[in-house]
Amino acid sequence: MAQSHLDKIYDVEGPKALREFYDNWADSYDGDLEDQEYVTPSRVAAALADFVPEADRDQPVLDFGCGTGLSGEALSKAGFTQLHGADVSEGMLEKAREKGVYAQLLRLPGGALDPEIIGRYRLVTAAGAISAGAAPAETLPQIVDALPAGGLLVVSYNGHTLEDEAYMAALTRVLTDGATLESAQDGDHLPGIGLKSRVMVLRKT
């Protein structure tokens, strides 16, 4: 899969270009990632389930950067029943609608994140969504700031992101003032290309 979307994503700059890139990728996205054995969505869903008893899995979960809905499918399999997805790409959201696992889907505008959206949820996931090639580093503190006290954010940083100073500085900032790290597990992200990721559970203080 030489020079595929997976090869090119890290060279895309700016919110408009990124949105257009994901719109164009939507049709082949699931196949491309499944070819590389994409496992981070299931790891994120399992991490959230570790902190939410079965009886409470009917509360709304915001799947931030839901893409085509692979993360929503994983959350549904983990027993979460009220899934709301949000993404900047309408092309990706069209594919997510087809999966039928979301009660609501929201297209995010470019630019700054609307804290009112995040503030409605006590449970937020971001599987591969806040990382190099996706939402910028400052998205992490924006989400943490907007979460209600005690709210959970489950976020993954892939290997490229773990080596990016801006993303790591954003993580340090929220852990210094705003959230506690409840869990951090390193594991596979895209085994087909040998890429790892770290799945973290952050609790708003």
Protein backbone atom coordinates (compact mmCIF):
# COMPACT_ATOMS: atom_id res chain seq x y z
CA MET A 1 0.00 0.00 0.00
CA ALA A 2 2.78 2.38 -0.99
CA GLN A 3 1.88 6.06 -0.80
CA SER A 4 -1.54 5.31 0.64
CA HIS A 5 -3.51 7.73 2.79
CA LEU A 6 -1.74 6.19 5.79
CA ASP A 7 1.59 7.22 4.30
CA LYS A 8 0.48 10.75 3.48
CA ILE A 9 -1.56 11.78 6.54
CA TYR A 10 1.37 13.08 8.58
CA ASP A 11 2.27 15.59 5.86
CA VAL A 12 -1.15 17.27 5.79
CA GLU A 13 -1.18 20.71 7.44
CA GLY A 14 -4.05 22.99 8.46
CA PRO A 15 -7.65 22.23 9.45
CA LYS A 16 -9.14 22.79 5.98
CA ALA A 17 -6.61 20.55 4.24
CA LEU A 18 -7.03 17.90 6.94
CA ARG A 19 -10.82 17.93 6.63
CA GLU A 20 -10.60 17.57 2.84
CA PHE A 21 -8.05 14.77 3.21
CA TYR A 22 -10.37 12.79 5.48
CA ASP A 23 -13.36 13.48 3.21
CA ASN A 24 -11.41 11.96 0.32
CA TRP A 25 -10.26 9.03 2.45
CA ALA A 26 -13.71 8.09 3.76
CA ASP A 27 -14.54 5.44 1.15
CA SER A 28 -11.38 3.40 1.68
CA TYR A 29 -10.66 4.28 5.33
CA ASP A 30 -12.10 1.16 6.96
CA GLY A 31 -10.43 -1.16 4.48
CA ASP A 32 -7.07 0.56 4.76
CA LEU A 33 -7.05 0.33 8.55
CA GLU A 34 -8.45 -3.17 8.69
CA ASP A 35 -5.66 -4.26 6.33
CA GLN A 36 -3.22 -3.08 9.02
CA GLU A 37 -5.18 -4.74 11.85
CA TYR A 38 -6.23 -1.48 13.53
CA VAL A 39 -6.86 -2.28 17.21
CA THR A 40 -6.83 1.04 19.08
CA PRO A 41 -10.64 1.51 19.03
CA SER A 42 -11.16 -1.80 20.85
CA ARG A 43 -8.40 -0.92 23.32
CA VAL A 44 -9.99 2.47 24.02
CA ALA A 45 -13.42 0.89 24.51
CA ALA A 46 -11.99 -1.71 26.88
CA ALA A 47 -10.18 0.98 28.87
CA LEU A 48 -13.40 2.96 29.32
CA ALA A 49 -15.29 -0.18 30.30
CA ASP A 50 -12.74 -0.80 33.05
CA PHE A 51 -13.91 2.40 34.75
CA VAL A 52 -17.64 2.26 34.00
CA PRO A 53 -19.73 -0.55 35.54
CA GLU A 54 -22.10 -2.38 33.21
CA ALA A 55 -25.10 -0.82 34.91
CA ASP A 56 -23.83 2.68 34.01
CA ARG A 57 -23.02 2.05 30.35
CA ASP A 58 -26.30 3.57 29.22
CA GLN A 59 -25.06 7.11 29.92
CA PRO A 60 -24.03 9.20 26.89
CA VAL A 61 -20.52 8.79 25.53
CA LEU A 62 -19.03 11.37 23.18
CA ASP A 63 -16.85 9.66 20.59
CA PHE A 64 -14.69 12.65 19.65
CA GLY A 65 -13.16 12.35 16.18
CA CYS A 66 -15.37 9.34 15.50
CA GLY A 67 -14.35 9.08 11.85
CA THR A 68 -16.22 6.32 10.02
CA GLY A 69 -17.46 4.84 13.28
CA LEU A 70 -14.94 2.07 13.91
CA SER A 71 -14.57 3.44 17.44
CA GLY A 72 -18.34 3.55 17.87
CA GLU A 73 -18.63 -0.09 16.88
CA ALA A 74 -15.99 -1.00 19.48
CA LEU A 75 -17.80 1.01 22.18
CA SER A 76 -21.09 -0.65 21.27
CA LYS A 77 -19.52 -4.11 21.56
CA ALA A 78 -18.23 -3.09 25.01
CA GLY A 79 -21.81 -2.44 26.12
CA PHE A 80 -22.13 1.35 25.74
CA THR A 81 -25.58 2.10 24.36
CA GLN A 82 -25.85 5.90 24.04
CA LEU A 83 -23.13 6.90 21.61
CA HIS A 84 -22.76 10.39 20.18
CA GLY A 85 -20.13 10.89 17.49
CA ALA A 86 -18.40 14.11 16.42
CA ASP A 87 -15.99 14.70 13.56
CA VAL A 88 -14.79 17.49 11.28
CA SER A 89 -15.28 15.40 8.12
CA GLU A 90 -18.74 15.06 6.63
CA GLY A 91 -17.44 12.26 4.43
CA MET A 92 -16.40 10.30 7.49
CA LEU A 93 -19.69 11.04 9.25
CA GLU A 94 -21.65 9.65 6.29
CA LYS A 95 -19.87 6.33 6.75
CA ALA A 96 -20.46 6.46 10.52
CA ARG A 97 -24.21 6.92 9.95
CA GLU A 98 -24.29 3.74 7.90
CA LYS A 99 -23.01 1.71 10.86
CA GLY A 100 -26.13 2.51 12.90
CA VAL A 101 -24.44 2.59 16.31
CA TYR A 102 -24.76 6.33 17.05
CA ALA A 103 -27.79 8.01 18.57
CA GLN A 104 -26.43 11.38 17.39
CA LEU A 105 -23.73 12.56 15.00
CA LEU A 106 -22.33 16.07 14.95
CA ARG A 107 -20.08 17.74 12.43
CA LEU A 108 -17.46 19.82 14.22
CA PRO A 109 -16.57 23.18 12.70
CA GLY A 110 -12.93 23.98 12.06
CA GLY A 111 -10.98 26.05 14.56
CA ALA A 112 -11.42 26.14 18.32
CA LEU A 113 -13.39 23.42 20.05
CA ASP A 114 -16.78 24.41 21.48
CA PRO A 115 -16.52 23.72 25.25
CA GLU A 116 -20.32 23.62 25.57
CA ILE A 117 -20.37 20.42 23.52
CA ILE A 118 -17.81 18.67 25.70
CA GLY A 119 -19.40 19.93 28.91
CA ARG A 120 -22.54 17.86 28.22
CA TYR A 121 -20.66 14.60 28.70
CA ARG A 122 -19.02 12.81 31.60
CA LEU A 123 -17.53 10.21 29.26
CA VAL A 124 -15.46 11.16 26.21
CA THR A 125 -13.28 8.97 24.00
CA ALA A 126 -10.74 9.97 21.38
CA ALA A 127 -9.38 6.90 19.60
CA GLY A 128 -6.56 8.12 17.39
CA ALA A 129 -8.29 11.49 17.18
CA ILE A 130 -5.90 13.74 19.14
CA SER A 131 -2.61 12.93 17.50
CA ALA A 132 -0.18 13.74 14.75
CA GLY A 133 -2.22 13.56 11.57
CA ALA A 134 -5.48 14.38 13.35
CA ALA A 135 -6.61 17.02 15.90
CA PRO A 136 -3.86 19.38 17.09
CA ALA A 137 -2.13 19.11 20.46
CA GLU A 138 -4.11 21.93 22.07
CA THR A 139 -7.30 19.87 21.65
CA LEU A 140 -6.34 17.76 24.68
CA PRO A 141 -6.36 20.60 27.24
CA GLN A 142 -9.45 22.09 25.59
CA ILE A 143 -11.38 18.87 26.17
CA VAL A 144 -10.07 18.38 29.70
CA ASP A 145 -10.91 21.98 30.62
CA ALA A 146 -14.48 21.53 29.38
CA LEU A 147 -15.17 18.18 31.07
CA PRO A 148 -17.28 18.26 34.23
CA ALA A 149 -15.47 17.37 37.47
CA GLY A 150 -14.96 13.62 37.69
CA GLY A 151 -15.51 13.16 33.97
CA LEU A 152 -13.37 10.69 32.05
CA LEU A 153 -11.45 11.11 28.82
CA VAL A 154 -9.95 8.03 27.20
CA VAL A 155 -7.39 9.10 24.64
CA SER A 156 -4.76 7.33 22.55
CA TYR A 157 -1.39 8.66 21.45
CA ASN A 158 0.22 6.67 18.65
CA GLY A 159 3.97 6.22 18.34
CA HIS A 160 4.42 9.33 16.20
CA THR A 161 2.50 11.40 18.74
CA LEU A 162 4.51 10.07 21.67
CA GLU A 163 7.59 11.49 19.95
CA ASP A 164 5.97 14.88 19.25
CA GLU A 165 7.01 17.55 21.77
CA ALA A 166 3.82 19.59 21.35
CA TYR A 167 1.51 16.67 22.16
CA MET A 168 3.62 15.52 25.08
CA ALA A 169 3.74 19.07 26.47
CA ALA A 170 -0.06 19.25 26.23
CA LEU A 171 -0.34 15.98 28.14
CA THR A 172 2.07 17.20 30.84
CA ARG A 173 0.08 20.41 31.14
CA VAL A 174 -3.26 18.69 31.77
CA LEU A 175 -1.73 16.23 34.23
CA THR A 176 -0.13 19.09 36.13
CA ASP A 177 -3.34 21.07 36.38
CA GLY A 178 -6.68 19.62 35.37
CA ALA A 179 -6.64 15.84 35.35
CA THR A 180 -5.23 12.71 36.93
CA LEU A 181 -3.87 9.77 34.96
CA GLU A 182 -5.97 6.79 36.01
CA SER A 183 -4.47 4.31 33.56
CA ALA A 184 -1.88 4.14 30.77
CA GLN A 185 -1.32 1.04 28.66
CA ASP A 186 1.10 0.64 25.76
CA GLY A 187 0.12 -1.78 23.02
CA ASP A 188 -0.58 -2.25 19.34
CA HIS A 189 -2.09 0.45 17.15
CA LEU A 190 -1.54 -0.71 13.58
CA PRO A 191 0.29 -4.04 13.87
CA GLY A 192 0.50 -4.36 10.09
CA ILE A 193 3.00 -1.52 9.97
CA GLY A 194 4.44 -2.06 13.43
CA LEU A 195 2.95 1.10 14.94
CA LYS A 196 2.16 1.16 18.67
CA SER A 197 -0.05 3.43 20.78
CA ARG A 198 -0.60 4.36 24.40
CA VAL A 199 -4.18 4.35 25.66
CA MET A 200 -4.71 6.66 28.64
CA VAL A 201 -7.65 7.26 30.96
CA LEU A 202 -7.73 10.82 32.31
CA ARG A 203 -10.10 11.95 35.06
CA LYS A 204 -11.02 15.62 35.39
CA THR A 205 -10.17 16.94 38.85
